[in-house]
Amino acid sequence: MKKFMIVILSIFISNSFAQTKDADKILDDVKKKFEAIHDYEVDVNIKLDFEFVKMPDSKAKIYFKQPDKVKIDSKGFAMLPKQSINFSPAQLLKGDYTALYVRSESLDGNNTDVIKIIPNSDSADVILTTLWVDQSQKVIRKIETTGKRAGTAKVELGYDNKNLGLPSQIKFTLNSDLAETKKEVPQQQQNNRDEHRQWNNRSNFSGNVIVTYSNYKINKGIPDSFFEEKK
């Protein structure tokens, strides 16, 4: 069934939009640019913009080393998992998938190539991912995903030219079924009866999370031992 859907979508896209660009090459260029960043550390500020989740901004420091070493220092509560606030094209584009070039599109004054990614495995949580890739800068400027259980999510990425393609801000727009996200409510919110009652009366969960990055230190040579857990 999955392969049938891929074939049908591929035919539709090919007939509707003349497929003149190689989607896999575009994505490979994005991954190669990110691979040139061997390690970095950065300060982050996490702002939650949800109608009924009232929390102060969270601050943290992220350390990263290729290919997948991550360490996060934070005294406050961070709602997002480390895979989200530590954006990595390599992690986003891992696994077995089919990439289809759709069209070129202007996005906030930037020329982008729109690419759809379809997982080849029926067990994948994500059904479809759409990327807006700035091929001249070799960065991803927007992501839209549709999941089996968690609804839809949109990610918009901003960049400063001085950061070698690392984002200066990421805005997550979430819109998902409450039953899947209720378990993510912070414990301090659960303890507040009034807010907990409001939470239970909601049929869906939507809002924004804005992550701002500052004070990047790139390719300074972070040792592997730094990421080892202390006993």
Protein backbone atom coordinates (compact mmCIF):
# COMPACT_ATOMS: atom_id res chain seq x y z
CA MET A 1 0.00 0.00 0.00
CA LYS A 2 2.82 2.37 0.87
CA LYS A 3 4.62 1.73 -2.43
CA PHE A 4 1.36 2.22 -4.32
CA MET A 5 0.86 5.63 -2.67
CA ILE A 6 4.41 6.65 -3.56
CA VAL A 7 3.92 5.69 -7.21
CA ILE A 8 0.60 7.55 -7.45
CA LEU A 9 2.00 10.68 -5.77
CA SER A 10 5.10 10.56 -7.97
CA ILE A 11 3.00 10.38 -11.14
CA PHE A 12 0.76 13.22 -9.95
CA ILE A 13 3.66 15.49 -9.11
CA SER A 14 5.50 14.68 -12.32
CA ASN A 15 2.44 15.51 -14.41
CA SER A 16 1.49 18.62 -12.47
CA PHE A 17 4.94 20.17 -12.05
CA ALA A 18 7.67 19.50 -14.57
CA GLN A 19 10.24 17.68 -12.44
CA THR A 20 13.44 19.39 -13.57
CA LYS A 21 15.56 19.14 -10.42
CA ASP A 22 17.08 16.23 -8.53
CA ALA A 23 15.51 16.16 -5.05
CA ASP A 24 18.11 13.78 -3.62
CA LYS A 25 21.00 15.99 -4.78
CA ILE A 26 19.39 19.07 -3.21
CA LEU A 27 19.05 17.25 0.11
CA ASP A 28 22.59 15.85 -0.10
CA ASP A 29 23.93 19.39 -0.50
CA VAL A 30 22.11 20.41 2.69
CA LYS A 31 23.58 17.47 4.61
CA LYS A 32 27.11 18.13 3.29
CA LYS A 33 26.97 21.76 4.44
CA PHE A 34 25.93 20.66 7.93
CA GLU A 35 28.69 18.03 8.04
CA ALA A 36 31.26 20.84 7.73
CA ILE A 37 30.22 21.88 11.26
CA HIS A 38 32.17 19.47 13.46
CA ASP A 39 30.92 20.82 16.79
CA TYR A 40 29.30 23.86 18.36
CA GLU A 41 27.88 25.32 21.54
CA VAL A 42 25.08 27.87 21.66
CA ASP A 43 22.76 29.65 24.10
CA VAL A 44 19.04 29.12 23.54
CA ASN A 45 15.90 30.83 24.75
CA ILE A 46 12.65 28.84 24.57
CA LYS A 47 9.36 30.75 24.55
CA LEU A 48 5.99 28.97 24.76
CA ASP A 49 2.99 30.67 23.19
CA PHE A 50 -0.03 28.54 24.17
CA GLU A 51 -3.34 29.91 25.37
CA PHE A 52 -3.56 27.82 28.53
CA VAL A 53 0.05 26.88 29.28
CA LYS A 54 1.58 29.74 31.26
CA MET A 55 5.31 29.32 31.74
CA PRO A 56 8.27 31.71 31.79
CA ASP A 57 10.85 31.49 29.05
CA SER A 58 13.37 28.68 29.46
CA LYS A 59 17.08 29.18 28.90
CA ALA A 60 19.61 26.51 28.09
CA LYS A 61 23.01 25.88 26.54
CA ILE A 62 23.37 23.25 23.84
CA TYR A 63 26.57 21.40 22.95
CA PHE A 64 26.79 19.31 19.79
CA LYS A 65 29.43 17.17 18.09
CA GLN A 66 29.13 15.17 14.91
CA PRO A 67 27.52 12.90 14.19
CA ASP A 68 25.01 12.79 17.03
CA LYS A 69 26.51 13.77 20.39
CA VAL A 70 24.29 16.27 22.22
CA LYS A 71 24.39 17.76 25.71
CA ILE A 72 21.91 20.27 27.10
CA ASP A 73 22.46 22.30 30.27
CA SER A 74 19.26 23.85 31.58
CA LYS A 75 18.09 24.81 35.06
CA GLY A 76 14.49 25.30 33.96
CA PHE A 77 11.91 23.11 32.31
CA ALA A 78 12.32 22.65 28.55
CA MET A 79 9.18 21.45 26.77
CA LEU A 80 10.85 20.38 23.56
CA PRO A 81 12.94 17.21 23.19
CA LYS A 82 16.64 17.64 22.42
CA GLN A 83 16.08 16.50 18.82
CA SER A 84 13.94 19.58 18.27
CA ILE A 85 15.98 22.36 19.83
CA ASN A 86 19.18 20.82 18.42
CA PHE A 87 18.18 20.99 14.75
CA SER A 88 20.13 18.59 12.53
CA PRO A 89 19.41 18.02 8.81
CA ALA A 90 21.20 14.68 9.12
CA GLN A 91 18.70 13.49 11.75
CA LEU A 92 15.75 14.87 9.81
CA LEU A 93 16.83 13.15 6.59
CA LYS A 94 17.91 9.80 8.01
CA GLY A 95 16.12 6.54 7.25
CA ASP A 96 14.69 5.06 4.08
CA TYR A 97 12.50 7.50 2.18
CA THR A 98 11.48 8.67 -1.28
CA ALA A 99 12.18 12.34 -2.08
CA LEU A 100 10.13 14.07 -4.79
CA TYR A 101 10.82 17.50 -6.24
CA VAL A 102 7.58 19.50 -6.49
CA ARG A 103 8.23 23.09 -7.55
CA SER A 104 10.20 26.28 -6.97
CA GLU A 105 8.61 28.83 -4.64
CA SER A 106 9.46 32.22 -3.16
CA LEU A 107 9.36 32.14 0.64
CA ASP A 108 9.85 35.39 2.54
CA GLY A 109 11.94 36.76 -0.30
CA ASN A 110 14.06 33.60 -0.62
CA ASN A 111 13.99 31.28 -3.62
CA THR A 112 13.26 27.76 -2.39
CA ASP A 113 12.73 24.29 -3.83
CA VAL A 114 9.75 22.42 -2.41
CA ILE A 115 10.45 18.73 -1.80
CA LYS A 116 8.14 16.07 -0.42
CA ILE A 117 9.57 13.19 1.62
CA ILE A 118 7.61 9.95 1.98
CA PRO A 119 8.91 7.25 4.39
CA ASN A 120 9.21 3.87 2.72
CA SER A 121 8.32 2.07 5.95
CA ASP A 122 4.72 1.60 7.07
CA SER A 123 5.93 1.72 10.69
CA ALA A 124 7.15 5.32 10.45
CA ASP A 125 5.32 7.80 12.70
CA VAL A 126 5.46 10.51 10.03
CA ILE A 127 3.29 10.05 6.94
CA LEU A 128 4.57 12.97 4.87
CA THR A 129 7.15 15.74 5.25
CA THR A 130 7.36 18.80 3.01
CA LEU A 131 10.58 20.84 2.93
CA TRP A 132 11.29 24.30 1.56
CA VAL A 133 15.02 24.24 0.74
CA ASP A 134 17.04 27.35 -0.02
CA GLN A 135 19.39 25.76 -2.54
CA SER A 136 21.63 28.83 -2.87
CA GLN A 137 22.34 28.79 0.90
CA LYS A 138 21.89 25.01 1.21
CA VAL A 139 19.60 25.32 4.24
CA ILE A 140 16.04 24.29 5.08
CA ARG A 141 13.77 27.28 5.64
CA LYS A 142 10.45 25.56 6.37
CA ILE A 143 9.18 22.11 7.30
CA GLU A 144 5.63 20.75 7.42
CA THR A 145 4.98 17.27 8.76
CA THR A 146 1.88 15.10 9.03
CA GLY A 147 1.97 12.30 11.60
CA LYS A 148 -0.16 9.27 12.24
CA ARG A 149 -1.03 10.28 15.81
CA ALA A 150 0.28 13.76 16.61
CA GLY A 151 -1.48 15.77 13.90
CA THR A 152 0.38 18.40 11.89
CA ALA A 153 3.36 20.57 12.71
CA LYS A 154 5.05 23.46 10.93
CA VAL A 155 8.61 24.61 11.50
CA GLU A 156 9.98 27.92 10.22
CA LEU A 157 13.73 28.53 10.38
CA GLY A 158 15.64 31.83 10.33
CA TYR A 159 19.38 32.21 9.73
CA ASP A 160 22.24 34.65 10.20
CA ASN A 161 24.91 34.44 7.51
CA LYS A 162 27.67 34.35 10.15
CA ASN A 163 26.54 31.02 11.65
CA LEU A 164 27.59 28.72 8.78
CA GLY A 165 24.02 27.61 8.10
CA LEU A 166 22.98 27.03 11.72
CA PRO A 167 19.59 28.58 12.63
CA SER A 168 19.26 31.79 14.59
CA GLN A 169 15.58 31.10 15.33
CA ILE A 170 13.15 28.23 14.92
CA LYS A 171 9.40 28.65 15.27
CA PHE A 172 7.34 25.51 15.86
CA THR A 173 3.61 25.71 15.15
CA LEU A 174 1.82 22.72 16.64
CA ASN A 175 -1.69 21.50 15.99
CA SER A 176 -2.45 18.05 17.33
CA ASP A 177 -5.06 15.94 19.04
CA LEU A 178 -5.24 16.54 22.77
CA ALA A 179 -5.26 12.85 23.62
CA GLU A 180 -1.75 12.48 22.23
CA THR A 181 -0.30 15.56 23.92
CA LYS A 182 -1.99 15.58 27.31
CA LYS A 183 0.81 13.43 28.71
CA GLU A 184 3.27 16.23 27.88
CA VAL A 185 1.75 18.69 30.37
CA PRO A 186 4.37 19.79 32.92
CA GLN A 187 3.86 18.34 36.39
CA GLN A 188 3.52 21.79 37.94
CA GLN A 189 0.64 22.47 35.54
CA GLN A 190 -0.98 19.17 36.43
CA ASN A 191 -0.97 20.17 40.07
CA ASN A 192 -2.98 23.31 39.36
CA ARG A 193 -6.62 22.12 39.40
CA ASP A 194 -8.06 25.08 37.53
CA GLU A 195 -5.57 24.86 34.69
CA HIS A 196 -5.84 21.09 34.59
CA ARG A 197 -9.62 21.39 34.24
CA GLN A 198 -9.18 23.81 31.34
CA TRP A 199 -6.75 21.38 29.74
CA ASN A 200 -9.25 18.50 29.93
CA ASN A 201 -11.96 20.63 28.33
CA ARG A 202 -9.85 21.22 25.21
CA SER A 203 -10.37 19.04 22.14
CA ASN A 204 -7.08 19.96 20.51
CA PHE A 205 -3.69 21.36 21.35
CA SER A 206 -2.22 24.18 19.29
CA GLY A 207 0.22 27.01 19.69
CA ASN A 208 3.78 28.12 19.01
CA VAL A 209 7.18 27.41 20.48
CA ILE A 210 9.90 29.89 19.53
CA VAL A 211 13.53 28.89 20.05
CA THR A 212 16.13 31.65 19.66
CA TYR A 213 19.84 30.82 19.32
CA SER A 214 22.70 33.19 20.22
CA ASN A 215 26.43 33.24 20.93
CA TYR A 216 27.40 30.35 18.68
CA LYS A 217 30.90 28.91 19.12
CA ILE A 218 31.56 26.71 16.12
CA ASN A 219 34.32 24.15 15.47
CA LYS A 220 36.23 24.85 18.69
CA GLY A 221 37.08 21.18 19.25
CA ILE A 222 34.79 19.80 21.97
CA PRO A 223 36.27 16.49 23.25
CA ASP A 224 34.19 13.30 23.26
CA SER A 225 34.68 12.99 27.01
CA PHE A 226 32.62 16.15 27.52
CA PHE A 227 29.47 14.26 26.48
CA GLU A 228 30.01 11.30 28.78
CA GLU A 229 27.49 11.01 31.59
CA LYS A 230 28.92 11.55 35.05
CA LYS A 231 28.21 8.80 37.56
